Amino acid sequence: MRIRDWDRNLKMRLFGEALVHIAFWMFFPFMAIYFTESFGKDKAGLLLIVSQIFSVIASLMGGYCADVFGRKRMMVLSAYGQGAAFFFFALASSPWFTSPFVGYLCFTIAGICGAFYWPASQAMVADVVPEEHRSSVFAVFYMSINVAVVVGPIIGGVFYEHYLFELLLATAFLFLFLAAVLTKWLRETVPARENGELVHGKWYEFLWQQVRQYSVIVRDRIFLLFIIAGILVAQTVMQLDLLIPVYTKDTVERQTLFSFGDWSFTLTGEKAFGLLISENGLLVVLFTVWVTKWMERYHERTAFVGSSIVYGIAIFLFGQTTSIWGLILVMGLFTFGELMTVGIQQTFISKLAPEEMRGQYFAAASLRWTIGRAIAPLSITATICLGYEWTFFLLSMLSFISAALYMIMFQLLEKRQTHKALT
């Protein structure tokens, strides 16, 4: 489906959301550095965990609110909320007033608003795009995010250290601009109910229903292993925005990346991380389709186990080098581990789930990232007692354990399939 054939809602959103994504990624990768410098590693890790817990709860409620109040209303309110949060975050980081605690509260509120935005956003795509074209539309939005991941950190790496106030202020105004555009031109797409109401039920009933859906993991041993292995490997994946930026700032000294005559390109730790996160986004944009097609030639076991092993090796190597060129090579390996499974995870879940419980399985599968994201900031606190090298080593061990769990999972799955074939 070509972009020119898209619904007007989607065209407008693609442009507006691309701008805010770029602005957001100009500073977001450096937030772990900001909070670590402001509160210390011990408190920063715990505060980031609390922030993620609120976002997880909000994400559970996001779909309910999109059905009850409408897609447009939730997206507009969320965009205004994020704009206001980043505006006050900017004020708390201004030359006239500095308050890391106010900044943390604003960052948390922005995360909560974002958690309400995306369920409505994704539901809108499903509302206006025929089923056979949805994958391609989602892919374009996903690619736009990764373009922002490439461009944003490069800009942020240059300006973050001395112009955080300006970056946050620009982000605030772009979110407010997006909210104004959505208010004026976005149309509501939520399907109408026969009785004119959007949905029945109280919010707490819906939340309890979501929690009950997750109980499916204790009734299926294979799926339980899939969740646990995913949570463990997520501890490696999530460090891209947590431990790795703090590590590069603390350990990477000013280095010349390359030079031509009298001109040289020199990076500090913060700018080096901006380069690394941009490299990750660029590689995702360029090679997702190619690596996915390549991995389709192999058994799913190879993809999941191999990805965990590659992640484990990469995160271990991160702790062994402070050379910018070395970190660039390790980031390439890290990204390869990401791409090995990015195209097959949803398909595998759909195969694993009974047809009548597919929705519950997809909901429960998200626990890999919600729980993983909630506990990943503990790595920052762990560096106080263990140091960087041992912390990276332990993270690599978690990834290798996840590889072992995937092996056990596939063995049990083969036994189940054999039993079904015999009966």
Protein backbone atom coordinates (compact mmCIF):
# COMPACT_ATOMS: atom_id res chain seq x y z
CA MET A 1 0.00 0.00 0.00
CA ARG A 2 1.59 3.27 -1.16
CA ILE A 3 1.75 6.24 1.20
CA ARG A 4 -0.20 8.41 -1.25
CA ASP A 5 -3.10 5.93 -0.90
CA TRP A 6 -3.12 6.19 2.89
CA ASP A 7 -5.94 7.68 4.91
CA ARG A 8 -5.35 11.40 5.61
CA ASN A 9 -5.08 10.65 9.33
CA LEU A 10 -2.07 8.44 8.76
CA LYS A 11 -0.27 10.83 6.39
CA MET A 12 -0.61 13.67 8.87
CA ARG A 13 0.54 11.53 11.77
CA LEU A 14 3.54 10.15 9.90
CA PHE A 15 4.89 13.65 9.36
CA GLY A 16 4.03 15.02 12.81
CA GLU A 17 5.22 12.00 14.76
CA ALA A 18 8.48 11.89 12.79
CA LEU A 19 9.29 15.41 14.00
CA VAL A 20 8.57 14.65 17.66
CA HIS A 21 10.48 11.37 17.45
CA ILE A 22 13.59 13.19 16.24
CA ALA A 23 13.25 15.78 18.99
CA PHE A 24 12.63 13.10 21.62
CA TRP A 25 15.68 11.06 20.60
CA MET A 26 17.89 14.15 20.77
CA PHE A 27 17.90 13.86 24.56
CA PHE A 28 16.24 10.59 25.62
CA PRO A 29 19.38 8.39 25.25
CA PHE A 30 21.18 10.73 27.63
CA MET A 31 18.59 10.65 30.42
CA ALA A 32 20.39 7.84 32.22
CA ILE A 33 23.46 10.10 32.33
CA TYR A 34 21.36 13.04 33.52
CA PHE A 35 19.74 11.16 36.40
CA THR A 36 22.96 9.42 37.40
CA GLU A 37 24.77 12.75 37.64
CA SER A 38 21.85 14.30 39.53
CA PHE A 39 20.97 11.55 42.02
CA GLY A 40 23.90 9.12 42.00
CA LYS A 41 23.89 5.63 40.56
CA ASP A 42 22.12 4.03 43.52
CA LYS A 43 19.10 6.36 43.52
CA ALA A 44 18.99 6.80 39.73
CA GLY A 45 18.46 3.08 39.15
CA LEU A 46 15.59 2.90 41.64
CA LEU A 47 13.95 6.08 40.36
CA LEU A 48 14.00 4.80 36.79
CA ILE A 49 12.38 1.56 37.97
CA VAL A 50 9.56 3.52 39.64
CA SER A 51 9.11 5.59 36.47
CA GLN A 52 8.79 2.44 34.35
CA ILE A 53 6.28 0.87 36.75
CA PHE A 54 3.93 3.84 36.26
CA SER A 55 4.35 3.57 32.49
CA VAL A 56 3.56 -0.16 32.62
CA ILE A 57 0.31 0.51 34.50
CA ALA A 58 -0.58 3.26 32.03
CA SER A 59 0.06 0.96 29.08
CA LEU A 60 -2.39 -1.57 30.55
CA MET A 61 -5.05 1.14 30.62
CA GLY A 62 -4.21 2.67 27.25
CA GLY A 63 -6.33 0.33 25.14
CA TYR A 64 -9.32 0.71 27.45
CA CYS A 65 -9.15 4.52 27.32
CA ALA A 66 -8.80 4.48 23.52
CA ASP A 67 -12.07 2.50 23.31
CA VAL A 68 -13.93 4.49 25.97
CA PHE A 69 -12.88 8.04 25.09
CA GLY A 70 -11.91 7.61 21.44
CA ARG A 71 -8.61 7.44 19.56
CA LYS A 72 -8.42 11.13 18.73
CA ARG A 73 -9.18 12.38 22.23
CA MET A 74 -6.54 10.15 23.85
CA MET A 75 -3.89 11.06 21.27
CA VAL A 76 -4.58 14.78 21.58
CA LEU A 77 -4.62 14.74 25.40
CA SER A 78 -1.47 12.62 25.50
CA ALA A 79 0.38 14.91 23.09
CA TYR A 80 -0.62 17.99 25.10
CA GLY A 81 0.41 16.19 28.29
CA GLN A 82 3.83 15.30 26.90
CA GLY A 83 4.30 18.85 25.61
CA ALA A 84 3.47 20.32 29.02
CA ALA A 85 5.70 17.79 30.82
CA PHE A 86 8.69 18.55 28.61
CA PHE A 87 8.06 22.30 28.94
CA PHE A 88 8.30 22.12 32.73
CA PHE A 89 11.25 19.73 32.40
CA ALA A 90 12.95 22.42 30.32
CA LEU A 91 12.19 25.05 32.97
CA ALA A 92 13.69 22.73 35.61
CA SER A 93 16.88 22.56 33.52
CA SER A 94 17.04 26.25 32.61
CA PRO A 95 19.79 28.77 33.37
CA TRP A 96 17.45 30.38 35.93
CA PHE A 97 16.15 27.35 37.80
CA THR A 98 17.57 23.85 38.20
CA SER A 99 15.71 20.99 39.90
CA PRO A 100 16.56 17.39 38.93
CA PHE A 101 13.65 16.15 41.06
CA VAL A 102 11.14 18.27 39.12
CA GLY A 103 12.83 17.04 35.95
CA TYR A 104 12.35 13.45 37.07
CA LEU A 105 8.66 14.02 37.81
CA CYS A 106 8.17 15.61 34.40
CA PHE A 107 10.03 12.77 32.69
CA THR A 108 7.79 10.26 34.48
CA ILE A 109 4.62 12.13 33.53
CA ALA A 110 5.78 12.31 29.90
CA GLY A 111 6.33 8.55 29.95
CA ILE A 112 2.83 7.96 31.34
CA CYS A 113 1.29 10.19 28.65
CA GLY A 114 3.26 8.35 25.97
CA ALA A 115 1.97 5.03 27.29
CA PHE A 116 -1.59 6.30 26.75
CA TYR A 117 -0.80 7.64 23.26
CA TRP A 118 0.49 4.53 21.51
CA PRO A 119 -2.42 2.10 22.04
CA ALA A 120 -4.78 4.68 20.53
CA SER A 121 -2.30 5.34 17.74
CA GLN A 122 -1.99 1.66 16.82
CA ALA A 123 -5.75 1.11 17.12
CA MET A 124 -6.32 3.95 14.65
CA VAL A 125 -4.16 2.17 12.07
CA ALA A 126 -6.30 -0.95 12.50
CA ASP A 127 -9.45 1.19 12.16
CA VAL A 128 -8.59 2.73 8.78
CA VAL A 129 -6.28 0.21 7.06
CA PRO A 130 -7.50 -3.09 5.55
CA GLU A 131 -6.01 -6.12 7.27
CA GLU A 132 -3.91 -7.15 4.27
CA HIS A 133 -2.10 -3.77 4.27
CA ARG A 134 -1.61 -3.22 8.01
CA SER A 135 1.83 -4.85 8.23
CA SER A 136 3.25 -2.55 5.56
CA VAL A 137 1.76 0.55 7.23
CA PHE A 138 3.10 -0.44 10.64
CA ALA A 139 6.48 -1.08 8.99
CA VAL A 140 6.61 2.46 7.61
CA PHE A 141 5.84 3.95 11.03
CA TYR A 142 8.47 1.64 12.57
CA MET A 143 11.02 2.76 10.00
CA SER A 144 10.26 6.43 10.71
CA ILE A 145 11.03 5.80 14.38
CA ASN A 146 14.36 4.23 13.48
CA VAL A 147 15.22 7.15 11.21
CA ALA A 148 14.64 9.36 14.25
CA VAL A 149 16.90 7.03 16.26
CA VAL A 150 19.61 7.71 13.69
CA VAL A 151 19.21 11.49 13.39
CA GLY A 152 18.17 12.44 16.94
CA PRO A 153 21.15 11.12 18.93
CA ILE A 154 23.63 12.66 16.48
CA ILE A 155 22.10 16.08 17.08
CA GLY A 156 21.77 15.37 20.80
CA GLY A 157 25.38 14.22 21.07
CA VAL A 158 26.46 17.65 19.81
CA PHE A 159 24.10 19.79 21.89
CA TYR A 160 23.07 17.78 24.98
CA GLU A 161 26.02 18.69 27.21
CA HIS A 162 25.56 22.48 26.95
CA TYR A 163 22.06 22.96 25.51
CA LEU A 164 19.76 20.57 27.36
CA PHE A 165 17.32 23.40 28.13
CA GLU A 166 17.00 24.27 24.44
CA LEU A 167 16.57 20.62 23.43
CA LEU A 168 13.80 20.06 25.96
CA LEU A 169 12.09 23.32 25.02
CA ALA A 170 12.16 22.39 21.32
CA THR A 171 10.69 18.98 22.16
CA ALA A 172 7.93 20.58 24.23
CA PHE A 173 6.89 22.92 21.42
CA LEU A 174 6.95 20.12 18.82
CA PHE A 175 4.64 17.98 20.99
CA LEU A 176 2.33 20.96 21.48
CA PHE A 177 2.42 21.57 17.72
CA LEU A 178 1.52 17.92 17.11
CA ALA A 179 -1.36 18.18 19.58
CA ALA A 180 -2.69 21.29 17.85
CA VAL A 181 -2.48 19.63 14.42
CA LEU A 182 -4.25 16.51 15.69
CA THR A 183 -6.94 18.65 17.31
CA LYS A 184 -7.70 20.54 14.11
CA TRP A 185 -7.37 17.89 11.39
CA LEU A 186 -7.51 14.41 12.91
CA ARG A 187 -10.87 12.65 12.65
CA GLU A 188 -12.18 10.07 15.09
CA THR A 189 -12.01 6.48 13.81
CA VAL A 190 -13.21 4.37 16.73
CA PRO A 191 -15.91 1.95 15.51
CA ALA A 192 -19.40 2.96 16.59
CA ARG A 193 -21.36 0.63 18.84
CA GLU A 194 -24.97 -0.28 18.13
CA ASN A 195 -26.15 1.51 21.24
CA GLY A 196 -23.97 4.54 20.55
CA GLU A 197 -21.57 3.79 23.39
CA LEU A 198 -17.92 2.99 22.85
CA VAL A 199 -17.47 0.31 25.45
CA HIS A 200 -18.97 -0.99 28.67
CA GLY A 201 -17.33 -1.65 31.99
CA LYS A 202 -15.38 0.17 34.66
CA TRP A 203 -11.68 0.95 34.32
CA TYR A 204 -10.74 -1.23 37.29
CA GLU A 205 -12.68 -4.16 35.83
CA PHE A 206 -10.70 -3.84 32.62
CA LEU A 207 -7.41 -3.60 34.53
CA TRP A 208 -8.27 -6.72 36.52
CA GLN A 209 -9.18 -8.51 33.29
CA GLN A 210 -5.77 -7.63 31.85
CA VAL A 211 -4.02 -8.99 34.95
CA ARG A 212 -6.06 -12.20 34.73
CA GLN A 213 -5.04 -12.61 31.10
CA TYR A 214 -1.41 -12.69 32.13
CA SER A 215 -2.11 -15.71 34.34
CA VAL A 216 -1.95 -17.80 31.16
CA ILE A 217 1.82 -18.00 31.62
CA VAL A 218 1.51 -20.28 34.67
CA ARG A 219 -0.66 -22.77 32.81
CA ASP A 220 1.66 -23.30 29.84
CA ARG A 221 5.21 -24.37 30.74
CA ILE A 222 6.52 -23.73 27.26
CA PHE A 223 5.12 -20.22 27.19
CA LEU A 224 6.36 -19.61 30.73
CA LEU A 225 9.90 -20.45 29.61
CA PHE A 226 9.45 -18.12 26.63
CA ILE A 227 8.49 -15.27 28.98
CA ILE A 228 11.31 -15.90 31.48
CA ALA A 229 13.93 -16.23 28.74
CA GLY A 230 12.63 -13.01 27.18
CA ILE A 231 12.84 -11.13 30.49
CA LEU A 232 16.43 -12.29 30.99
CA VAL A 233 17.62 -11.30 27.53
CA ALA A 234 15.74 -8.00 27.89
CA GLN A 235 18.18 -7.11 30.66
CA THR A 236 20.80 -6.95 27.93
CA VAL A 237 18.65 -5.17 25.35
CA MET A 238 17.47 -2.44 27.73
CA GLN A 239 21.01 -1.40 28.63
CA LEU A 240 21.21 0.45 25.32
CA ASP A 241 19.37 3.34 27.02
CA LEU A 242 20.57 2.74 30.59
CA LEU A 243 24.00 1.36 31.40
CA ILE A 244 25.77 1.88 28.08
CA PRO A 245 25.36 5.70 28.02
CA VAL A 246 26.57 5.97 31.62
CA TYR A 247 29.49 3.65 30.84
CA THR A 248 30.62 5.60 27.78
CA LYS A 249 30.44 8.90 29.67
CA ASP A 250 32.48 7.59 32.62
CA THR A 251 35.11 5.56 30.75
CA VAL A 252 35.51 6.85 27.21
CA GLU A 253 38.00 9.70 27.13
CA ARG A 254 38.17 12.29 24.36
CA GLN A 255 39.34 10.45 21.25
CA THR A 256 39.97 11.37 17.63
CA LEU A 257 37.83 9.17 15.44
CA PHE A 258 39.58 10.17 12.21
CA SER A 259 41.49 13.13 10.81
CA PHE A 260 42.30 14.69 7.44
CA GLY A 261 45.33 16.95 7.49
CA ASP A 262 44.72 19.66 10.07
CA TRP A 263 41.07 18.72 10.53
CA SER A 264 40.03 15.99 12.97
CA PHE A 265 36.75 14.54 14.27
CA THR A 266 37.00 14.22 18.05
CA LEU A 267 34.40 12.73 20.40
CA THR A 268 33.82 12.73 24.15
CA GLY A 269 31.94 9.97 25.97
CA GLU A 270 28.51 11.61 25.54
CA LYS A 271 29.06 12.25 21.82
CA ALA A 272 30.43 8.72 21.39
CA PHE A 273 27.18 7.30 22.78
CA GLY A 274 25.16 9.50 20.43
CA LEU A 275 27.14 7.97 17.58
CA LEU A 276 26.54 4.43 18.88
CA ILE A 277 22.77 4.81 19.24
CA SER A 278 22.59 6.35 15.77
CA GLU A 279 24.60 3.42 14.41
CA ASN A 280 22.09 1.04 15.96
CA GLY A 281 19.15 2.84 14.39
CA LEU A 282 20.83 3.06 10.98
CA LEU A 283 21.67 -0.64 10.94
CA VAL A 284 18.08 -1.49 11.90
CA VAL A 285 16.74 0.63 9.03
CA LEU A 286 19.16 -0.83 6.49
CA PHE A 287 19.26 -4.51 7.41
CA THR A 288 15.99 -5.53 9.13
CA VAL A 289 14.41 -6.96 5.99
CA TRP A 290 17.62 -8.66 4.82
CA VAL A 291 18.44 -10.30 8.17
CA THR A 292 14.82 -11.38 8.65
CA LYS A 293 14.78 -13.13 5.26
CA TRP A 294 18.12 -14.74 6.04
CA MET A 295 16.93 -16.04 9.44
CA GLU A 296 13.78 -17.50 7.87
CA ARG A 297 16.02 -20.15 6.30
CA TYR A 298 16.80 -21.57 9.74
CA HIS A 299 14.78 -23.17 12.51
CA GLU A 300 13.27 -20.75 15.02
CA ARG A 301 15.45 -22.37 17.70
CA THR A 302 18.54 -21.11 15.87
CA ALA A 303 17.19 -17.56 15.79
CA PHE A 304 16.21 -17.31 19.47
CA VAL A 305 19.18 -19.17 20.92
CA GLY A 306 21.61 -17.49 18.54
CA SER A 307 20.23 -14.04 19.31
CA SER A 308 20.69 -14.53 23.07
CA ILE A 309 24.25 -15.79 22.57
CA VAL A 310 25.13 -12.85 20.32
CA TYR A 311 23.62 -10.42 22.84
CA GLY A 312 25.63 -12.07 25.63
CA ILE A 313 28.90 -11.82 23.72
CA ALA A 314 28.23 -8.21 22.71
CA ILE A 315 27.30 -6.98 26.20
CA PHE A 316 30.41 -8.68 27.63
CA LEU A 317 32.62 -7.00 25.02
CA PHE A 318 31.12 -3.62 25.85
CA GLY A 319 32.70 -3.88 29.29
CA GLN A 320 36.09 -4.79 27.83
CA THR A 321 36.73 -1.78 25.62
CA THR A 322 36.80 2.00 25.86
CA SER A 323 37.97 2.54 22.29
CA ILE A 324 35.39 4.29 20.14
CA TRP A 325 36.17 2.10 17.13
CA GLY A 326 35.94 -0.97 19.37
CA LEU A 327 32.55 0.18 20.68
CA ILE A 328 31.35 0.77 17.11
CA LEU A 329 32.23 -2.82 16.17
CA VAL A 330 30.56 -4.20 19.31
CA MET A 331 27.42 -2.15 18.61
CA GLY A 332 27.27 -3.75 15.17
CA LEU A 333 27.32 -7.19 16.81
CA PHE A 334 24.72 -6.06 19.38
CA THR A 335 22.40 -4.86 16.60
CA PHE A 336 22.79 -8.14 14.72
CA GLY A 337 21.51 -9.93 17.83
CA GLU A 338 18.49 -7.62 17.80
CA LEU A 339 17.73 -8.21 14.13
CA MET A 340 17.94 -12.01 14.40
CA THR A 341 14.53 -12.22 16.07
CA VAL A 342 12.80 -8.93 15.26
CA GLY A 343 10.94 -10.44 12.31
CA ILE A 344 9.88 -13.79 13.80
CA GLN A 345 8.80 -13.14 17.38
CA GLN A 346 5.16 -12.29 16.65
CA THR A 347 4.85 -15.19 14.23
CA PHE A 348 6.26 -17.60 16.81
CA ILE A 349 3.81 -16.41 19.47
CA SER A 350 0.89 -16.93 17.09
CA LYS A 351 2.09 -20.50 16.43
CA LEU A 352 2.50 -21.21 20.13
CA ALA A 353 -0.90 -19.88 21.13
CA PRO A 354 -4.15 -21.87 20.84
CA GLU A 355 -6.40 -20.10 18.37
CA GLU A 356 -9.07 -19.33 20.95
CA MET A 357 -6.47 -17.79 23.33
CA ARG A 358 -4.28 -15.92 20.83
CA GLY A 359 -5.18 -12.50 22.17
CA GLN A 360 -4.29 -13.50 25.72
CA TYR A 361 -0.97 -14.95 24.60
CA PHE A 362 -0.01 -11.75 22.79
CA ALA A 363 -0.98 -9.69 25.84
CA ALA A 364 1.04 -11.93 28.16
CA ALA A 365 4.02 -11.96 25.77
CA SER A 366 4.42 -8.22 26.32
CA LEU A 367 5.54 -9.07 29.87
CA ARG A 368 8.97 -9.85 28.43
CA TRP A 369 9.52 -6.17 27.83
CA THR A 370 7.36 -4.56 30.53
CA ILE A 371 8.94 -6.55 33.36
CA GLY A 372 12.34 -6.45 31.68
CA ARG A 373 12.15 -2.66 31.33
CA ALA A 374 11.05 -2.26 34.93
CA ILE A 375 14.00 -4.11 36.49
CA ALA A 376 16.73 -3.24 33.96
CA PRO A 377 17.74 0.02 35.73
CA LEU A 378 19.13 -2.10 38.60
CA SER A 379 22.23 -2.51 36.44
CA ILE A 380 23.15 1.12 37.12
CA THR A 381 22.93 0.54 40.87
CA ALA A 382 24.92 -2.71 40.52
CA THR A 383 27.95 -0.84 39.17
CA ILE A 384 28.43 0.77 42.59
CA CYS A 385 29.18 -2.59 44.23
CA LEU A 386 30.52 -4.57 41.29
CA GLY A 387 32.01 -2.05 38.89
CA TYR A 388 31.36 -1.91 35.18
CA GLU A 389 33.31 -4.99 34.12
CA TRP A 390 31.54 -7.40 36.50
CA THR A 391 28.14 -5.82 35.83
CA PHE A 392 28.54 -6.37 32.08
CA PHE A 393 29.73 -9.91 32.81
CA LEU A 394 26.63 -10.70 34.87
CA LEU A 395 24.40 -9.26 32.16
CA SER A 396 26.09 -11.52 29.63
CA MET A 397 25.45 -14.51 31.91
CA LEU A 398 21.75 -13.63 32.04
CA SER A 399 21.69 -13.62 28.26
CA PHE A 400 23.44 -17.01 28.09
CA ILE A 401 20.95 -18.42 30.63
CA SER A 402 18.13 -17.18 28.39
CA ALA A 403 19.73 -19.11 25.50
CA ALA A 404 19.67 -22.27 27.65
CA LEU A 405 16.02 -21.70 28.54
CA TYR A 406 15.14 -21.29 24.87
CA MET A 407 16.82 -24.64 24.18
CA ILE A 408 14.75 -26.31 26.90
CA MET A 409 11.62 -24.57 25.59
CA PHE A 410 12.09 -25.93 22.08
CA GLN A 411 12.76 -29.43 23.42
CA LEU A 412 9.44 -29.33 25.30
CA LEU A 413 7.72 -27.91 22.23
CA GLU A 414 9.01 -30.75 20.05
CA LYS A 415 7.74 -33.28 22.61
CA ARG A 416 4.34 -31.60 22.62
CA GLN A 417 4.16 -31.63 18.82
CA THR A 418 5.23 -35.28 18.71
CA HIS A 419 2.57 -36.21 21.27
CA LYS A 420 -0.12 -34.39 19.28
CA ALA A 421 0.98 -36.14 16.10
CA LEU A 422 0.73 -39.56 17.75
CA THR A 423 -2.68 -38.89 19.24
